[in-house]
Amino acid sequence: MKIAIPTDEGFMKSNVCISFGRTPYFLIYDTVKRDFVFLDNKAASSQGGAGIKAAQLLVDNEIDALITPRCGENAADVINAANIHMYKTINNSIDDNIEAYIEGKLSLLEEVHAGFHHHGGN
C-alpha cells in the first residue's frame, strides 16, 4: 500500500502540513517495502485549484490512502473518484501517523470543507 501525507518539509522528521492543496511536499510511503519518497507539490503555488491539482498528483502516483488533517471538497471529489481512502491525522508527527495507519488506528476523514478559494499567495 502506498500512502501519502502532506508535509511541511521534505524529510521524515518534518511535521504533517495542515494544508492539503498548498502543502510544500507529499511524503509517499510504501507500507510493504517500507521505503519512501518526497514529492514537490507544484500545485502549492497555483493561483487557483491547488487542491484539485494536488489530488491529481496523488492519483497519478497511484496512492492507496491519504492521511491529512483536512481536505477541501473539490480535492476530496478527485480523491474519492480514484477510490483513495482518506484518514484523519492524529497529530503532526509523520512517524506516529504512519504507525497508527499500519495498526489500523486512524479514523476515516469524513468532514471536508468548502475550500479556501482565492486565498492563495499574496
PDB file of N, CA and C in Angstrom:
ATOM      1  N   MET A   1       0.836  -1.188   0.000  1.00  0.00           N
ATOM      2  CA  MET A   1       0.000   0.000   0.000  1.00  0.00           C
ATOM      3  C   MET A   1       0.877   1.246   0.000  1.00  0.00           C
ATOM      4  N   LYS A   2       0.475   2.195  -0.805  1.00  0.00           N
ATOM      5  CA  LYS A   2       1.164   3.477  -0.832  1.00  0.00           C
ATOM      6  C   LYS A   2       0.276   4.524  -0.187  1.00  0.00           C
ATOM      7  N   ILE A   3       0.838   5.184   0.823  1.00  0.00           N
ATOM      8  CA  ILE A   3       0.101   6.242   1.494  1.00  0.00           C
ATOM      9  C   ILE A   3       0.788   7.580   1.244  1.00  0.00           C
ATOM     10  N   ALA A   4       0.006   8.634   1.295  1.00  0.00           N
ATOM     11  CA  ALA A   4       0.524   9.991   1.109  1.00  0.00           C
ATOM     12  C   ALA A   4       0.189  10.816   2.339  1.00  0.00           C
ATOM     13  N   ILE A   5       1.129  11.677   2.717  1.00  0.00           N
ATOM     14  CA  ILE A   5       0.941  12.592   3.843  1.00  0.00           C
ATOM     15  C   ILE A   5       1.491  13.957   3.426  1.00  0.00           C
ATOM     16  N   PRO A   6       0.703  15.038   3.563  1.00  0.00           N
ATOM     17  CA  PRO A   6       1.243  16.370   3.288  1.00  0.00           C
ATOM     18  C   PRO A   6       2.236  16.757   4.385  1.00  0.00           C
ATOM     19  N   THR A   7       3.397  17.286   3.981  1.00  0.00           N
ATOM     20  CA  THR A   7       4.433  17.626   4.960  1.00  0.00           C
ATOM     21  C   THR A   7       4.952  19.047   4.756  1.00  0.00           C
ATOM     22  N   ASP A   8       5.436  19.630   5.856  1.00  0.00           N
ATOM     23  CA  ASP A   8       5.993  20.985   5.808  1.00  0.00           C
ATOM     24  C   ASP A   8       7.340  21.031   5.091  1.00  0.00           C
ATOM     25  N   GLU A   9       8.123  19.942   5.222  1.00  0.00           N
ATOM     26  CA  GLU A   9       9.446  19.890   4.611  1.00  0.00           C
ATOM     27  C   GLU A   9       9.675  18.499   4.030  1.00  0.00           C
ATOM     28  N   GLY A  10      10.728  18.344   3.258  1.00  0.00           N
ATOM     29  CA  GLY A  10      10.984  17.096   2.560  1.00  0.00           C
ATOM     30  C   GLY A  10      11.896  16.138   3.292  1.00  0.00           C
ATOM     31  N   PHE A  11      11.620  15.905   4.573  1.00  0.00           N
ATOM     32  CA  PHE A  11      12.372  14.892   5.313  1.00  0.00           C
ATOM     33  C   PHE A  11      11.483  14.304   6.401  1.00  0.00           C
ATOM     34  N   MET A  12      11.841  13.104   6.866  1.00  0.00           N
ATOM     35  CA  MET A  12      10.972  12.330   7.770  1.00  0.00           C
ATOM     36  C   MET A  12      10.709  12.991   9.117  1.00  0.00           C
ATOM     37  N   LYS A  13      11.595  13.800   9.621  1.00  0.00           N
ATOM     38  CA  LYS A  13      11.383  14.439  10.922  1.00  0.00           C
ATOM     39  C   LYS A  13      10.624  15.759  10.800  1.00  0.00           C
ATOM     40  N   SER A  14      10.128  16.033   9.611  1.00  0.00           N
ATOM     41  CA  SER A  14       9.293  17.196   9.396  1.00  0.00           C
ATOM     42  C   SER A  14       7.936  16.970  10.057  1.00  0.00           C
ATOM     43  N   ASN A  15       7.091  17.979  10.027  1.00  0.00           N
ATOM     44  CA  ASN A  15       5.728  17.865  10.547  1.00  0.00           C
ATOM     45  C   ASN A  15       4.735  17.646   9.425  1.00  0.00           C
ATOM     46  N   VAL A  16       3.603  17.076   9.778  1.00  0.00           N
ATOM     47  CA  VAL A  16       2.482  16.994   8.858  1.00  0.00           C
ATOM     48  C   VAL A  16       2.019  18.426   8.603  1.00  0.00           C
ATOM     49  N   CYS A  17       1.756  18.750   7.352  1.00  0.00           N
ATOM     50  CA  CYS A  17       1.286  20.093   6.988  1.00  0.00           C
ATOM     51  C   CYS A  17      -0.226  20.166   7.178  1.00  0.00           C
ATOM     52  N   ILE A  18      -0.698  21.250   7.743  1.00  0.00           N
ATOM     53  CA  ILE A  18      -2.131  21.406   7.987  1.00  0.00           C
ATOM     54  C   ILE A  18      -2.905  21.635   6.683  1.00  0.00           C
ATOM     55  N   SER A  19      -2.241  22.108   5.657  1.00  0.00           N
ATOM     56  CA  SER A  19      -2.888  22.379   4.373  1.00  0.00           C
ATOM     57  C   SER A  19      -2.668  21.213   3.420  1.00  0.00           C
ATOM     58  N   PHE A  20      -3.711  20.770   2.751  1.00  0.00           N
ATOM     59  CA  PHE A  20      -3.559  19.714   1.761  1.00  0.00           C
ATOM     60  C   PHE A  20      -3.095  20.293   0.427  1.00  0.00           C
ATOM     61  N   GLY A  21      -3.881  21.141  -0.173  1.00  0.00           N
ATOM     62  CA  GLY A  21      -3.579  21.646  -1.514  1.00  0.00           C
ATOM     63  C   GLY A  21      -2.333  22.493  -1.598  1.00  0.00           C
ATOM     64  N   ARG A  22      -2.017  23.188  -0.524  1.00  0.00           N
ATOM     65  CA  ARG A  22      -0.862  24.092  -0.544  1.00  0.00           C
ATOM     66  C   ARG A  22       0.316  23.564   0.269  1.00  0.00           C
ATOM     67  N   THR A  23       0.293  22.279   0.573  1.00  0.00           N
ATOM     68  CA  THR A  23       1.442  21.692   1.254  1.00  0.00           C
ATOM     69  C   THR A  23       2.669  21.775   0.352  1.00  0.00           C
ATOM     70  N   PRO A  24       3.836  22.050   0.899  1.00  0.00           N
ATOM     71  CA  PRO A  24       5.034  22.092   0.051  1.00  0.00           C
ATOM     72  C   PRO A  24       5.431  20.718  -0.507  1.00  0.00           C
ATOM     73  N   TYR A  25       5.184  19.662   0.275  1.00  0.00           N
ATOM     74  CA  TYR A  25       5.616  18.315  -0.117  1.00  0.00           C
ATOM     75  C   TYR A  25       4.560  17.281   0.245  1.00  0.00           C
ATOM     76  N   PHE A  26       4.621  16.166  -0.451  1.00  0.00           N
ATOM     77  CA  PHE A  26       3.887  14.977  -0.055  1.00  0.00           C
ATOM     78  C   PHE A  26       4.888  13.862   0.193  1.00  0.00           C
ATOM     79  N   LEU A  27       4.770  13.226   1.344  1.00  0.00           N
ATOM     80  CA  LEU A  27       5.507  12.002   1.609  1.00  0.00           C
ATOM     81  C   LEU A  27       4.706  10.873   0.987  1.00  0.00           C
ATOM     82  N   ILE A  28       5.360  10.064   0.163  1.00  0.00           N
ATOM     83  CA  ILE A  28       4.751   8.853  -0.381  1.00  0.00           C
ATOM     84  C   ILE A  28       5.478   7.697   0.298  1.00  0.00           C
ATOM     85  N   TYR A  29       4.734   6.954   1.107  1.00  0.00           N
ATOM     86  CA  TYR A  29       5.325   5.889   1.914  1.00  0.00           C
ATOM     87  C   TYR A  29       4.723   4.553   1.499  1.00  0.00           C
ATOM     88  N   ASP A  30       5.576   3.597   1.171  1.00  0.00           N
ATOM     89  CA  ASP A  30       5.146   2.250   0.802  1.00  0.00           C
ATOM     90  C   ASP A  30       5.186   1.380   2.056  1.00  0.00           C
ATOM     91  N   THR A  31       4.020   0.948   2.514  1.00  0.00           N
ATOM     92  CA  THR A  31       3.948   0.185   3.767  1.00  0.00           C
ATOM     93  C   THR A  31       4.460  -1.243   3.620  1.00  0.00           C
ATOM     94  N   VAL A  32       4.540  -1.747   2.401  1.00  0.00           N
ATOM     95  CA  VAL A  32       5.053  -3.100   2.171  1.00  0.00           C
ATOM     96  C   VAL A  32       6.577  -3.081   2.103  1.00  0.00           C
ATOM     97  N   LYS A  33       7.103  -2.207   1.252  1.00  0.00           N
ATOM     98  CA  LYS A  33       8.563  -2.109   1.081  1.00  0.00           C
ATOM     99  C   LYS A  33       9.227  -1.302   2.185  1.00  0.00           C
ATOM    100  N   ARG A  34       8.409  -0.521   2.909  1.00  0.00           N
ATOM    101  CA  ARG A  34       8.898   0.372   3.961  1.00  0.00           C
ATOM    102  C   ARG A  34       9.942   1.366   3.437  1.00  0.00           C
ATOM    103  N   ASP A  35       9.667   1.871   2.232  1.00  0.00           N
ATOM    104  CA  ASP A  35      10.516   2.925   1.698  1.00  0.00           C
ATOM    105  C   ASP A  35       9.638   4.131   1.376  1.00  0.00           C
ATOM    106  N   PHE A  36      10.273   5.240   1.044  1.00  0.00           N
ATOM    107  CA  PHE A  36       9.515   6.469   0.861  1.00  0.00           C
ATOM    108  C   PHE A  36      10.218   7.406  -0.104  1.00  0.00           C
ATOM    109  N   VAL A  37       9.467   8.360  -0.577  1.00  0.00           N
ATOM    110  CA  VAL A  37       9.971   9.435  -1.413  1.00  0.00           C
ATOM    111  C   VAL A  37       9.142  10.676  -1.092  1.00  0.00           C
ATOM    112  N   PHE A  38       9.740  11.839  -1.255  1.00  0.00           N
ATOM    113  CA  PHE A  38       9.011  13.094  -1.088  1.00  0.00           C
ATOM    114  C   PHE A  38       8.788  13.708  -2.464  1.00  0.00           C
ATOM    115  N   LEU A  39       7.562  14.118  -2.723  1.00  0.00           N
ATOM    116  CA  LEU A  39       7.231  14.785  -3.974  1.00  0.00           C
ATOM    117  C   LEU A  39       7.056  16.272  -3.716  1.00  0.00           C
ATOM    118  N   ASP A  40       7.623  17.099  -4.588  1.00  0.00           N
ATOM    119  CA  ASP A  40       7.348  18.532  -4.546  1.00  0.00           C
ATOM    120  C   ASP A  40       5.915  18.739  -5.006  1.00  0.00           C
ATOM    121  N   ASN A  41       5.165  19.517  -4.268  1.00  0.00           N
ATOM    122  CA  ASN A  41       3.795  19.825  -4.664  1.00  0.00           C
ATOM    123  C   ASN A  41       3.804  21.115  -5.469  1.00  0.00           C
ATOM    124  N   LYS A  42       3.887  20.986  -6.757  1.00  0.00           N
ATOM    125  CA  LYS A  42       3.925  22.158  -7.638  1.00  0.00           C
ATOM    126  C   LYS A  42       2.603  22.938  -7.580  1.00  0.00           C
ATOM    127  N   ALA A  43       1.533  22.292  -7.137  1.00  0.00           N
ATOM    128  CA  ALA A  43       0.232  22.956  -7.027  1.00  0.00           C
ATOM    129  C   ALA A  43       0.220  24.020  -5.931  1.00  0.00           C
ATOM    130  N   ALA A  44       1.157  23.944  -5.003  1.00  0.00           N
ATOM    131  CA  ALA A  44       1.172  24.872  -3.864  1.00  0.00           C
ATOM    132  C   ALA A  44       1.234  26.332  -4.306  1.00  0.00           C
ATOM    133  N   SER A  45       1.858  26.603  -5.433  1.00  0.00           N
ATOM    134  CA  SER A  45       1.997  27.981  -5.896  1.00  0.00           C
ATOM    135  C   SER A  45       0.967  28.351  -6.961  1.00  0.00           C
ATOM    136  N   SER A  46      -0.016  27.502  -7.185  1.00  0.00           N
ATOM    137  CA  SER A  46      -1.059  27.774  -8.186  1.00  0.00           C
ATOM    138  C   SER A  46      -1.906  28.965  -7.783  1.00  0.00           C
ATOM    139  N   GLN A  47      -2.350  29.703  -8.770  1.00  0.00           N
ATOM    140  CA  GLN A  47      -3.263  30.815  -8.497  1.00  0.00           C
ATOM    141  C   GLN A  47      -4.604  30.301  -7.991  1.00  0.00           C
ATOM    142  N   GLY A  48      -5.020  29.147  -8.478  1.00  0.00           N
ATOM    143  CA  GLY A  48      -6.287  28.555  -8.062  1.00  0.00           C
ATOM    144  C   GLY A  48      -6.271  27.071  -8.348  1.00  0.00           C
ATOM    145  N   GLY A  49      -7.179  26.370  -7.731  1.00  0.00           N
ATOM    146  CA  GLY A  49      -7.295  24.936  -7.972  1.00  0.00           C
ATOM    147  C   GLY A  49      -6.177  24.106  -7.387  1.00  0.00           C
ATOM    148  N   ALA A  50      -5.524  24.608  -6.351  1.00  0.00           N
ATOM    149  CA  ALA A  50      -4.382  23.893  -5.767  1.00  0.00           C
ATOM    150  C   ALA A  50      -4.791  22.526  -5.239  1.00  0.00           C
ATOM    151  N   GLY A  51      -5.936  22.445  -4.591  1.00  0.00           N
ATOM    152  CA  GLY A  51      -6.389  21.176  -4.033  1.00  0.00           C
ATOM    153  C   GLY A  51      -6.630  20.129  -5.100  1.00  0.00           C
ATOM    154  N   ILE A  52      -7.286  20.542  -6.186  1.00  0.00           N
ATOM    155  CA  ILE A  52      -7.563  19.613  -7.282  1.00  0.00           C
ATOM    156  C   ILE A  52      -6.253  19.134  -7.907  1.00  0.00           C
ATOM    157  N   LYS A  53      -5.328  20.050  -8.138  1.00  0.00           N
ATOM    158  CA  LYS A  53      -4.039  19.685  -8.744  1.00  0.00           C
ATOM    159  C   LYS A  53      -3.236  18.777  -7.816  1.00  0.00           C
ATOM    160  N   ALA A  54      -3.251  19.068  -6.522  1.00  0.00           N
ATOM    161  CA  ALA A  54      -2.541  18.221  -5.553  1.00  0.00           C
ATOM    162  C   ALA A  54      -3.158  16.827  -5.516  1.00  0.00           C
ATOM    163  N   ALA A  55      -4.479  16.771  -5.543  1.00  0.00           N
ATOM    164  CA  ALA A  55      -5.170  15.476  -5.544  1.00  0.00           C
ATOM    165  C   ALA A  55      -4.805  14.677  -6.792  1.00  0.00           C
ATOM    166  N   GLN A  56      -4.745  15.349  -7.934  1.00  0.00           N
ATOM    167  CA  GLN A  56      -4.392  14.654  -9.177  1.00  0.00           C
ATOM    168  C   GLN A  56      -2.963  14.126  -9.115  1.00  0.00           C
ATOM    169  N   LEU A  57      -2.068  14.860  -8.459  1.00  0.00           N
ATOM    170  CA  LEU A  57      -0.697  14.388  -8.270  1.00  0.00           C
ATOM    171  C   LEU A  57      -0.696  13.049  -7.535  1.00  0.00           C
ATOM    172  N   LEU A  58      -1.528  12.929  -6.524  1.00  0.00           N
ATOM    173  CA  LEU A  58      -1.611  11.679  -5.764  1.00  0.00           C
ATOM    174  C   LEU A  58      -2.216  10.563  -6.610  1.00  0.00           C
ATOM    175  N   VAL A  59      -3.248  10.887  -7.365  1.00  0.00           N
ATOM    176  CA  VAL A  59      -3.855   9.895  -8.263  1.00  0.00           C
ATOM    177  C   VAL A  59      -2.808   9.402  -9.263  1.00  0.00           C
ATOM    178  N   ASP A  60      -2.059  10.328  -9.851  1.00  0.00           N
ATOM    179  CA  ASP A  60      -1.031   9.970 -10.840  1.00  0.00           C
ATOM    180  C   ASP A  60       0.066   9.097 -10.247  1.00  0.00           C
ATOM    181  N   ASN A  61       0.283   9.216  -8.942  1.00  0.00           N
ATOM    182  CA  ASN A  61       1.303   8.413  -8.265  1.00  0.00           C
ATOM    183  C   ASN A  61       0.723   7.143  -7.632  1.00  0.00           C
ATOM    184  N   GLU A  62      -0.505   6.833  -7.991  1.00  0.00           N
ATOM    185  CA  GLU A  62      -1.163   5.582  -7.607  1.00  0.00           C
ATOM    186  C   GLU A  62      -1.172   5.340  -6.088  1.00  0.00           C
ATOM    187  N   ILE A  63      -1.617   6.361  -5.385  1.00  0.00           N
ATOM    188  CA  ILE A  63      -1.721   6.305  -3.933  1.00  0.00           C
ATOM    189  C   ILE A  63      -2.952   5.486  -3.547  1.00  0.00           C
ATOM    190  N   ASP A  64      -2.834   4.705  -2.487  1.00  0.00           N
ATOM    191  CA  ASP A  64      -3.965   3.928  -1.978  1.00  0.00           C
ATOM    192  C   ASP A  64      -4.695   4.647  -0.858  1.00  0.00           C
ATOM    193  N   ALA A  65      -3.972   5.472  -0.091  1.00  0.00           N
ATOM    194  CA  ALA A  65      -4.568   6.154   1.052  1.00  0.00           C
ATOM    195  C   ALA A  65      -3.892   7.501   1.272  1.00  0.00           C
ATOM    196  N   LEU A  66      -4.660   8.436   1.793  1.00  0.00           N
ATOM    197  CA  LEU A  66      -4.174   9.771   2.141  1.00  0.00           C
ATOM    198  C   LEU A  66      -4.413   9.977   3.622  1.00  0.00           C
ATOM    199  N   ILE A  67      -3.385  10.458   4.322  1.00  0.00           N
ATOM    200  CA  ILE A  67      -3.503  10.816   5.737  1.00  0.00           C
ATOM    201  C   ILE A  67      -3.290  12.322   5.808  1.00  0.00           C
ATOM    202  N   THR A  68      -4.316  13.049   6.250  1.00  0.00           N
ATOM    203  CA  THR A  68      -4.260  14.503   6.227  1.00  0.00           C
ATOM    204  C   THR A  68      -5.134  15.090   7.337  1.00  0.00           C
ATOM    205  N   PRO A  69      -4.774  16.282   7.843  1.00  0.00           N
ATOM    206  CA  PRO A  69      -5.612  16.912   8.869  1.00  0.00           C
ATOM    207  C   PRO A  69      -6.964  17.352   8.319  1.00  0.00           C
ATOM    208  N   ARG A  70      -6.991  17.776   7.051  1.00  0.00           N
ATOM    209  CA  ARG A  70      -8.221  18.246   6.431  1.00  0.00           C
ATOM    210  C   ARG A  70      -8.069  18.224   4.917  1.00  0.00           C
ATOM    211  N   CYS A  71      -9.208  18.360   4.252  1.00  0.00           N
ATOM    212  CA  CYS A  71      -9.200  18.333   2.793  1.00  0.00           C
ATOM    213  C   CYS A  71     -10.399  19.121   2.286  1.00  0.00           C
ATOM    214  N   GLY A  72     -10.187  19.861   1.214  1.00  0.00           N
ATOM    215  CA  GLY A  72     -11.268  20.625   0.607  1.00  0.00           C
ATOM    216  C   GLY A  72     -12.179  19.738  -0.235  1.00  0.00           C
ATOM    217  N   GLU A  73     -13.371  20.240  -0.448  1.00  0.00           N
ATOM    218  CA  GLU A  73     -14.405  19.484  -1.152  1.00  0.00           C
ATOM    219  C   GLU A  73     -13.991  19.084  -2.574  1.00  0.00           C
ATOM    220  N   ASN A  74     -13.425  20.007  -3.340  1.00  0.00           N
ATOM    221  CA  ASN A  74     -13.052  19.694  -4.721  1.00  0.00           C
ATOM    222  C   ASN A  74     -11.935  18.657  -4.777  1.00  0.00           C
ATOM    223  N   ALA A  75     -10.955  18.783  -3.907  1.00  0.00           N
ATOM    224  CA  ALA A  75      -9.874  17.801  -3.846  1.00  0.00           C
ATOM    225  C   ALA A  75     -10.425  16.446  -3.408  1.00  0.00           C
ATOM    226  N   ALA A  76     -11.323  16.454  -2.425  1.00  0.00           N
ATOM    227  CA  ALA A  76     -11.920  15.214  -1.940  1.00  0.00           C
ATOM    228  C   ALA A  76     -12.686  14.503  -3.047  1.00  0.00           C
ATOM    229  N   ASP A  77     -13.345  15.273  -3.916  1.00  0.00           N
ATOM    230  CA  ASP A  77     -14.056  14.668  -5.043  1.00  0.00           C
ATOM    231  C   ASP A  77     -13.098  13.893  -5.949  1.00  0.00           C
ATOM    232  N   VAL A  78     -11.944  14.479  -6.243  1.00  0.00           N
ATOM    233  CA  VAL A  78     -10.939  13.813  -7.086  1.00  0.00           C
ATOM    234  C   VAL A  78     -10.408  12.562  -6.386  1.00  0.00           C
ATOM    235  N   ILE A  79     -10.106  12.687  -5.113  1.00  0.00           N
ATOM    236  CA  ILE A  79      -9.562  11.569  -4.333  1.00  0.00           C
ATOM    237  C   ILE A  79     -10.573  10.432  -4.228  1.00  0.00           C
ATOM    238  N   ASN A  80     -11.813  10.777  -3.925  1.00  0.00           N
ATOM    239  CA  ASN A  80     -12.860   9.756  -3.817  1.00  0.00           C
ATOM    240  C   ASN A  80     -13.121   9.067  -5.148  1.00  0.00           C
ATOM    241  N   ALA A  81     -13.086   9.822  -6.249  1.00  0.00           N
ATOM    242  CA  ALA A  81     -13.316   9.235  -7.570  1.00  0.00           C
ATOM    243  C   ALA A  81     -12.243   8.206  -7.923  1.00  0.00           C
ATOM    244  N   ALA A  82     -11.053   8.369  -7.347  1.00  0.00           N
ATOM    245  CA  ALA A  82      -9.942   7.438  -7.595  1.00  0.00           C
ATOM    246  C   ALA A  82      -9.914   6.297  -6.565  1.00  0.00           C
ATOM    247  N   ASN A  83     -10.936   6.237  -5.721  1.00  0.00           N
ATOM    248  CA  ASN A  83     -11.022   5.203  -4.679  1.00  0.00           C
ATOM    249  C   ASN A  83      -9.840   5.217  -3.719  1.00  0.00           C
ATOM    250  N   ILE A  84      -9.346   6.425  -3.423  1.00  0.00           N
ATOM    251  CA  ILE A  84      -8.293   6.601  -2.426  1.00  0.00           C
ATOM    252  C   ILE A  84      -8.982   6.879  -1.090  1.00  0.00           C
ATOM    253  N   HIS A  85      -8.647   6.105  -0.076  1.00  0.00           N
ATOM    254  CA  HIS A  85      -9.230   6.306   1.250  1.00  0.00           C
ATOM    255  C   HIS A  85      -8.533   7.475   1.935  1.00  0.00           C
ATOM    256  N   MET A  86      -9.309   8.304   2.611  1.00  0.00           N
ATOM    257  CA  MET A  86      -8.756   9.444   3.350  1.00  0.00           C
ATOM    258  C   MET A  86      -8.889   9.200   4.843  1.00  0.00           C
ATOM    259  N   TYR A  87      -7.788   9.415   5.552  1.00  0.00           N
ATOM    260  CA  TYR A  87      -7.751   9.237   7.004  1.00  0.00           C
ATOM    261  C   TYR A  87      -7.335  10.531   7.667  1.00  0.00           C
ATOM    262  N   LYS A  88      -7.874  10.765   8.856  1.00  0.00           N
ATOM    263  CA  LYS A  88      -7.549  11.968   9.629  1.00  0.00           C
ATOM    264  C   LYS A  88      -6.293  11.731  10.455  1.00  0.00           C
ATOM    265  N   THR A  89      -5.387  12.693  10.425  1.00  0.00           N
ATOM    266  CA  THR A  89      -4.164  12.613  11.221  1.00  0.00           C
ATOM    267  C   THR A  89      -4.500  12.617  12.710  1.00  0.00           C
ATOM    268  N   ILE A  90      -3.592  12.019  13.498  1.00  0.00           N
ATOM    269  CA  ILE A  90      -3.783  12.015  14.951  1.00  0.00           C
ATOM    270  C   ILE A  90      -2.977  13.122  15.629  1.00  0.00           C
ATOM    271  N   ASN A  91      -1.917  13.568  14.962  1.00  0.00           N
ATOM    272  CA  ASN A  91      -1.071  14.654  15.467  1.00  0.00           C
ATOM    273  C   ASN A  91      -0.196  15.135  14.307  1.00  0.00           C
ATOM    274  N   ASN A  92       0.860  15.902  14.577  1.00  0.00           N
ATOM    275  CA  ASN A  92       1.679  16.418  13.482  1.00  0.00           C
ATOM    276  C   ASN A  92       2.945  15.598  13.231  1.00  0.00           C
ATOM    277  N   SER A  93       3.053  14.411  13.808  1.00  0.00           N
ATOM    278  CA  SER A  93       4.216  13.546  13.612  1.00  0.00           C
ATOM    279  C   SER A  93       3.989  12.577  12.444  1.00  0.00           C
ATOM    280  N   ILE A  94       4.882  12.619  11.479  1.00  0.00           N
ATOM    281  CA  ILE A  94       4.800  11.701  10.346  1.00  0.00           C
ATOM    282  C   ILE A  94       4.886  10.258  10.839  1.00  0.00           C
ATOM    283  N   ASP A  95       5.870   9.958  11.668  1.00  0.00           N
ATOM    284  CA  ASP A  95       6.063   8.590  12.167  1.00  0.00           C
ATOM    285  C   ASP A  95       4.839   8.078  12.930  1.00  0.00           C
ATOM    286  N   ASP A  96       4.271   8.904  13.804  1.00  0.00           N
ATOM    287  CA  ASP A  96       3.100   8.490  14.582  1.00  0.00           C
ATOM    288  C   ASP A  96       1.930   8.149  13.666  1.00  0.00           C
ATOM    289  N   ASN A  97       1.731   8.949  12.631  1.00  0.00           N
ATOM    290  CA  ASN A  97       0.612   8.727  11.727  1.00  0.00           C
ATOM    291  C   ASN A  97       0.813   7.487  10.864  1.00  0.00           C
ATOM    292  N   ILE A  98       2.041   7.235  10.424  1.00  0.00           N
ATOM    293  CA  ILE A  98       2.316   6.012   9.670  1.00  0.00           C
ATOM    294  C   ILE A  98       2.058   4.793  10.548  1.00  0.00           C
ATOM    295  N   GLU A  99       2.563   4.829  11.769  1.00  0.00           N
ATOM    296  CA  GLU A  99       2.379   3.709  12.696  1.00  0.00           C
ATOM    297  C   GLU A  99       0.891   3.473  12.983  1.00  0.00           C
ATOM    298  N   ALA A 100       0.163   4.548  13.225  1.00  0.00           N
ATOM    299  CA  ALA A 100      -1.275   4.424  13.506  1.00  0.00           C
ATOM    300  C   ALA A 100      -2.016   3.858  12.293  1.00  0.00           C
ATOM    301  N   TYR A 101      -1.616   4.258  11.091  1.00  0.00           N
ATOM    302  CA  TYR A 101      -2.241   3.722   9.884  1.00  0.00           C
ATOM    303  C   TYR A 101      -1.991   2.215   9.773  1.00  0.00           C
ATOM    304  N   ILE A 102      -0.745   1.813   9.926  1.00  0.00           N
ATOM    305  CA  ILE A 102      -0.389   0.398   9.817  1.00  0.00           C
ATOM    306  C   ILE A 102      -1.134  -0.437  10.860  1.00  0.00           C
ATOM    307  N   GLU A 103      -1.329   0.129  12.053  1.00  0.00           N
ATOM    308  CA  GLU A 103      -2.030  -0.578  13.130  1.00  0.00           C
ATOM    309  C   GLU A 103      -3.553  -0.466  13.022  1.00  0.00           C
ATOM    310  N   GLY A 104      -4.044   0.235  11.992  1.00  0.00           N
ATOM    311  CA  GLY A 104      -5.488   0.379  11.807  1.00  0.00           C
ATOM    312  C   GLY A 104      -6.156   1.281  12.821  1.00  0.00           C
ATOM    313  N   LYS A 105      -5.430   2.257  13.348  1.00  0.00           N
ATOM    314  CA  LYS A 105      -5.947   3.116  14.416  1.00  0.00           C
ATOM    315  C   LYS A 105      -6.411   4.497  13.944  1.00  0.00           C
ATOM    316  N   LEU A 106      -6.322   4.776  12.648  1.00  0.00           N
ATOM    317  CA  LEU A 106      -6.757   6.083  12.153  1.00  0.00           C
ATOM    318  C   LEU A 106      -8.231   6.047  11.774  1.00  0.00           C
ATOM    319  N   SER A 107      -8.909   7.159  12.002  1.00  0.00           N
ATOM    320  CA  SER A 107     -10.300   7.301  11.604  1.00  0.00           C
ATOM    321  C   SER A 107     -10.370   7.824  10.174  1.00  0.00           C
ATOM    322  N   LEU A 108     -11.414   7.425   9.465  1.00  0.00           N
ATOM    323  CA  LEU A 108     -11.627   7.979   8.135  1.00  0.00           C
ATOM    324  C   LEU A 108     -11.906   9.470   8.257  1.00  0.00           C
ATOM    325  N   LEU A 109     -11.391  10.233   7.301  1.00  0.00           N
ATOM    326  CA  LEU A 109     -11.667  11.669   7.241  1.00  0.00           C
ATOM    327  C   LEU A 109     -12.980  11.827   6.482  1.00  0.00           C
ATOM    328  N   GLU A 110     -14.013  12.159   7.202  1.00  0.00           N
ATOM    329  CA  GLU A 110     -15.335  12.248   6.592  1.00  0.00           C
ATOM    330  C   GLU A 110     -15.813  13.679   6.434  1.00  0.00           C
ATOM    331  N   GLU A 111     -15.221  14.598   7.194  1.00  0.00           N
ATOM    332  CA  GLU A 111     -15.603  16.004   7.080  1.00  0.00           C
ATOM    333  C   GLU A 111     -14.659  16.696   6.113  1.00  0.00           C
ATOM    334  N   VAL A 112     -15.205  17.217   5.046  1.00  0.00           N
ATOM    335  CA  VAL A 112     -14.405  18.020   4.121  1.00  0.00           C
ATOM    336  C   VAL A 112     -14.963  19.437   4.154  1.00  0.00           C
ATOM    337  N   HIS A 113     -14.099  20.396   3.904  1.00  0.00           N
ATOM    338  CA  HIS A 113     -14.547  21.787   3.942  1.00  0.00           C
ATOM    339  C   HIS A 113     -14.740  22.302   2.522  1.00  0.00           C
ATOM    340  N   ALA A 114     -15.365  23.442   2.419  1.00  0.00           N
ATOM    341  CA  ALA A 114     -15.682  24.016   1.107  1.00  0.00           C
ATOM    342  C   ALA A 114     -14.434  24.470   0.366  1.00  0.00           C
ATOM    343  N   GLY A 115     -13.313  24.534   1.049  1.00  0.00           N
ATOM    344  CA  GLY A 115     -12.078  25.000   0.400  1.00  0.00           C
ATOM    345  C   GLY A 115     -11.803  26.441   0.756  1.00  0.00           C
ATOM    346  N   PHE A 116     -10.632  26.866   0.408  1.00  0.00           N
ATOM    347  CA  PHE A 116     -10.225  28.243   0.676  1.00  0.00           C
ATOM    348  C   PHE A 116      -9.940  28.929  -0.652  1.00  0.00           C
ATOM    349  N   HIS A 117     -10.949  28.981  -1.485  1.00  0.00           N
ATOM    350  CA  HIS A 117     -10.789  29.512  -2.844  1.00  0.00           C
ATOM    351  C   HIS A 117     -10.342  30.950  -2.800  1.00  0.00           C
ATOM    352  N   HIS A 118      -9.400  31.264  -3.681  1.00  0.00           N
ATOM    353  CA  HIS A 118      -8.861  32.611  -3.844  1.00  0.00           C
ATOM    354  C   HIS A 118      -8.125  33.107  -2.615  1.00  0.00           C
ATOM    355  N   HIS A 119      -7.630  32.166  -1.805  1.00  0.00           N
ATOM    356  CA  HIS A 119      -6.872  32.556  -0.614  1.00  0.00           C
ATOM    357  C   HIS A 119      -5.412  32.159  -0.763  1.00  0.00           C
ATOM    358  N   GLY A 120      -4.967  31.981  -1.989  1.00  0.00           N
ATOM    359  CA  GLY A 120      -3.572  31.603  -2.257  1.00  0.00           C
ATOM    360  C   GLY A 120      -2.645  32.738  -1.927  1.00  0.00           C
ATOM    361  N   GLY A 121      -1.416  32.651  -2.381  1.00  0.00           N
ATOM    362  CA  GLY A 121      -0.369  33.617  -2.069  1.00  0.00           C
ATOM    363  C   GLY A 121      -0.785  35.057  -2.220  1.00  0.00           C
ATOM    364  N   ASN A 122       0.009  35.947  -1.705  1.00  0.00           N
ATOM    365  CA  ASN A 122      -0.329  37.375  -1.713  1.00  0.00           C
ATOM    366  C   ASN A 122       0.188  38.034  -2.946  1.00  0.00           C
TER     367      ASN A 122
END
